[in-house]
Amino acid sequence: MEHIRLPKVENVRLLDRVSPRRSRVGTLYLTATHTIFVENEAGVRNETWVSISETTGPDIRVEDVVR
């Protein structure tokens, strides 16, 4: 974790490639082993965990940060 300078990024849009209308806004957390997306929906805490070893493929990328 000592190399991660910004372990938390707020207002990140997670895109759904199958249905772009289903994109979600939340907070992205980076750890030494996982990338965690927590949805910002009121009253619900949906988390999506992705192992760092699964993000080495060309299809995983961070595209949008909501401003």
N, C-alpha and C. Protein backbone atom coordinates (compact mmCIF):
# COMPACT_ATOMS: atom_id res chain seq x y z
N MET A 1 0.81 -1.20 0.00
CA MET A 1 0.00 0.00 0.00
C MET A 1 0.85 1.25 0.00
N GLU A 2 2.12 1.13 0.31
CA GLU A 2 2.95 2.33 0.43
C GLU A 2 3.11 3.07 -0.89
N HIS A 3 2.83 2.42 -2.03
CA HIS A 3 2.96 3.08 -3.33
C HIS A 3 1.66 3.72 -3.81
N ILE A 4 0.56 3.46 -3.13
CA ILE A 4 -0.72 4.04 -3.52
C ILE A 4 -0.83 5.42 -2.90
N ARG A 5 -0.84 6.44 -3.72
CA ARG A 5 -0.88 7.82 -3.22
C ARG A 5 -2.29 8.30 -2.96
N LEU A 6 -3.26 7.82 -3.70
CA LEU A 6 -4.64 8.25 -3.56
C LEU A 6 -5.52 7.00 -3.45
N PRO A 7 -5.74 6.48 -2.23
CA PRO A 7 -6.46 5.22 -2.08
C PRO A 7 -7.97 5.34 -2.23
N LYS A 8 -8.49 6.56 -2.32
CA LYS A 8 -9.94 6.76 -2.40
C LYS A 8 -10.24 7.85 -3.42
N VAL A 9 -11.12 7.54 -4.38
CA VAL A 9 -11.53 8.52 -5.38
C VAL A 9 -13.06 8.58 -5.36
N GLU A 10 -13.61 9.75 -5.09
CA GLU A 10 -15.06 9.90 -5.00
C GLU A 10 -15.64 10.32 -6.35
N ASN A 11 -16.94 10.13 -6.50
CA ASN A 11 -17.69 10.51 -7.71
C ASN A 11 -17.16 9.85 -8.97
N VAL A 12 -16.94 8.55 -8.89
CA VAL A 12 -16.49 7.76 -10.03
C VAL A 12 -17.72 7.10 -10.67
N ARG A 13 -17.78 7.10 -11.98
CA ARG A 13 -18.90 6.46 -12.68
C ARG A 13 -18.46 5.08 -13.14
N LEU A 14 -19.19 4.05 -12.69
CA LEU A 14 -18.95 2.67 -13.11
C LEU A 14 -19.88 2.38 -14.28
N LEU A 15 -19.30 2.11 -15.44
CA LEU A 15 -20.08 1.91 -16.65
C LEU A 15 -20.46 0.45 -16.83
N ASP A 16 -21.68 0.22 -17.29
CA ASP A 16 -22.16 -1.11 -17.64
C ASP A 16 -22.07 -1.22 -19.16
N ARG A 17 -21.19 -2.06 -19.66
CA ARG A 17 -20.99 -2.16 -21.11
C ARG A 17 -22.19 -2.75 -21.83
N VAL A 18 -22.99 -3.56 -21.17
CA VAL A 18 -24.17 -4.15 -21.79
C VAL A 18 -25.30 -3.14 -21.87
N SER A 19 -25.51 -2.40 -20.79
CA SER A 19 -26.59 -1.41 -20.74
C SER A 19 -26.03 -0.10 -20.19
N PRO A 20 -25.56 0.81 -21.05
CA PRO A 20 -24.94 2.06 -20.59
C PRO A 20 -25.84 2.92 -19.70
N ARG A 21 -27.14 2.75 -19.81
CA ARG A 21 -28.06 3.52 -18.96
C ARG A 21 -27.99 3.08 -17.50
N ARG A 22 -27.41 1.93 -17.24
CA ARG A 22 -27.32 1.41 -15.89
C ARG A 22 -26.00 1.79 -15.21
N SER A 23 -25.35 2.82 -15.66
CA SER A 23 -24.10 3.22 -15.01
C SER A 23 -24.41 3.70 -13.59
N ARG A 24 -23.43 3.54 -12.71
CA ARG A 24 -23.61 3.90 -11.30
C ARG A 24 -22.50 4.85 -10.88
N VAL A 25 -22.82 5.72 -9.93
CA VAL A 25 -21.84 6.66 -9.38
C VAL A 25 -21.53 6.23 -7.96
N GLY A 26 -20.24 6.29 -7.62
CA GLY A 26 -19.85 5.88 -6.28
C GLY A 26 -18.42 6.27 -5.97
N THR A 27 -17.84 5.58 -5.00
CA THR A 27 -16.48 5.83 -4.55
C THR A 27 -15.62 4.62 -4.89
N LEU A 28 -14.43 4.87 -5.40
CA LEU A 28 -13.49 3.82 -5.75
C LEU A 28 -12.38 3.78 -4.71
N TYR A 29 -12.16 2.62 -4.12
CA TYR A 29 -11.10 2.43 -3.14
C TYR A 29 -10.04 1.50 -3.73
N LEU A 30 -8.78 1.83 -3.54
CA LEU A 30 -7.68 1.01 -4.02
C LEU A 30 -6.93 0.44 -2.83
N THR A 31 -6.74 -0.88 -2.83
CA THR A 31 -5.92 -1.52 -1.81
C THR A 31 -4.77 -2.24 -2.53
N ALA A 32 -3.92 -2.86 -1.78
CA ALA A 32 -2.80 -3.58 -2.38
C ALA A 32 -3.27 -4.80 -3.17
N THR A 33 -4.46 -5.32 -2.84
CA THR A 33 -4.94 -6.55 -3.49
C THR A 33 -6.23 -6.40 -4.26
N HIS A 34 -7.01 -5.34 -4.00
CA HIS A 34 -8.33 -5.20 -4.62
C HIS A 34 -8.63 -3.76 -5.03
N THR A 35 -9.53 -3.62 -5.98
CA THR A 35 -10.18 -2.36 -6.31
C THR A 35 -11.63 -2.54 -5.87
N ILE A 36 -12.14 -1.60 -5.08
CA ILE A 36 -13.48 -1.72 -4.51
C ILE A 36 -14.31 -0.52 -4.94
N PHE A 37 -15.47 -0.78 -5.54
CA PHE A 37 -16.39 0.28 -5.92
C PHE A 37 -17.59 0.22 -4.99
N VAL A 38 -17.89 1.33 -4.31
CA VAL A 38 -19.03 1.41 -3.41
C VAL A 38 -20.02 2.41 -3.99
N GLU A 39 -21.22 1.93 -4.28
CA GLU A 39 -22.25 2.77 -4.90
C GLU A 39 -22.75 3.82 -3.92
N ASN A 40 -23.05 5.02 -4.42
CA ASN A 40 -23.51 6.13 -3.60
C ASN A 40 -25.03 6.22 -3.50
N GLU A 41 -25.73 5.13 -3.62
CA GLU A 41 -27.19 5.16 -3.54
C GLU A 41 -27.62 5.26 -2.07
N ALA A 42 -28.58 6.14 -1.79
CA ALA A 42 -29.03 6.39 -0.41
C ALA A 42 -29.63 5.12 0.21
N GLY A 43 -29.17 4.80 1.41
CA GLY A 43 -29.72 3.68 2.15
C GLY A 43 -29.23 2.30 1.74
N VAL A 44 -28.47 2.21 0.66
CA VAL A 44 -27.99 0.92 0.17
C VAL A 44 -26.47 0.99 0.02
N ARG A 45 -25.78 -0.05 0.48
CA ARG A 45 -24.33 -0.08 0.33
C ARG A 45 -23.95 -1.27 -0.56
N ASN A 46 -24.00 -1.06 -1.85
CA ASN A 46 -23.60 -2.09 -2.81
C ASN A 46 -22.11 -1.94 -3.07
N GLU A 47 -21.39 -3.04 -2.91
CA GLU A 47 -19.95 -3.04 -3.14
C GLU A 47 -19.60 -4.00 -4.27
N THR A 48 -18.67 -3.59 -5.11
CA THR A 48 -18.13 -4.45 -6.16
C THR A 48 -16.64 -4.57 -5.91
N TRP A 49 -16.17 -5.79 -5.65
CA TRP A 49 -14.76 -6.04 -5.37
C TRP A 49 -14.14 -6.71 -6.59
N VAL A 50 -12.99 -6.20 -7.02
CA VAL A 50 -12.26 -6.79 -8.14
C VAL A 50 -10.83 -7.03 -7.68
N SER A 51 -10.38 -8.26 -7.81
CA SER A 51 -9.01 -8.61 -7.46
C SER A 51 -8.05 -7.93 -8.42
N ILE A 52 -6.93 -7.44 -7.91
CA ILE A 52 -5.94 -6.77 -8.76
C ILE A 52 -5.47 -7.71 -9.87
N SER A 53 -5.35 -9.00 -9.59
CA SER A 53 -4.90 -9.94 -10.62
C SER A 53 -5.90 -10.05 -11.77
N GLU A 54 -7.18 -9.70 -11.54
CA GLU A 54 -8.19 -9.75 -12.59
C GLU A 54 -8.19 -8.50 -13.46
N THR A 55 -7.49 -7.46 -13.05
CA THR A 55 -7.51 -6.19 -13.78
C THR A 55 -6.36 -6.05 -14.77
N THR A 56 -5.64 -7.12 -15.01
CA THR A 56 -4.50 -7.03 -15.91
C THR A 56 -4.89 -7.13 -17.38
N GLY A 57 -6.14 -7.49 -17.65
CA GLY A 57 -6.60 -7.61 -19.04
C GLY A 57 -6.85 -6.25 -19.67
N PRO A 58 -6.93 -6.21 -20.99
CA PRO A 58 -7.10 -4.94 -21.70
C PRO A 58 -8.49 -4.33 -21.56
N ASP A 59 -9.49 -5.09 -21.07
CA ASP A 59 -10.86 -4.59 -20.99
C ASP A 59 -11.16 -3.82 -19.71
N ILE A 60 -10.27 -3.79 -18.76
CA ILE A 60 -10.51 -3.09 -17.50
C ILE A 60 -9.81 -1.74 -17.56
N ARG A 61 -10.58 -0.68 -17.37
CA ARG A 61 -9.98 0.66 -17.36
C ARG A 61 -10.91 1.61 -16.61
N VAL A 62 -10.31 2.61 -16.02
CA VAL A 62 -11.07 3.66 -15.36
C VAL A 62 -11.26 4.76 -16.39
N GLU A 63 -12.50 5.05 -16.76
CA GLU A 63 -12.75 6.00 -17.83
C GLU A 63 -13.20 7.36 -17.34
N ASP A 64 -14.20 7.38 -16.51
CA ASP A 64 -14.84 8.65 -16.20
C ASP A 64 -14.77 8.96 -14.71
N VAL A 65 -14.54 10.21 -14.44
CA VAL A 65 -14.69 10.74 -13.09
C VAL A 65 -15.72 11.84 -13.20
N VAL A 66 -16.81 11.71 -12.45
CA VAL A 66 -17.88 12.71 -12.51
C VAL A 66 -17.40 13.96 -11.83
N ARG A 67 -17.58 15.08 -12.47
CA ARG A 67 -17.15 16.35 -11.89
C ARG A 67 -18.34 17.21 -11.56
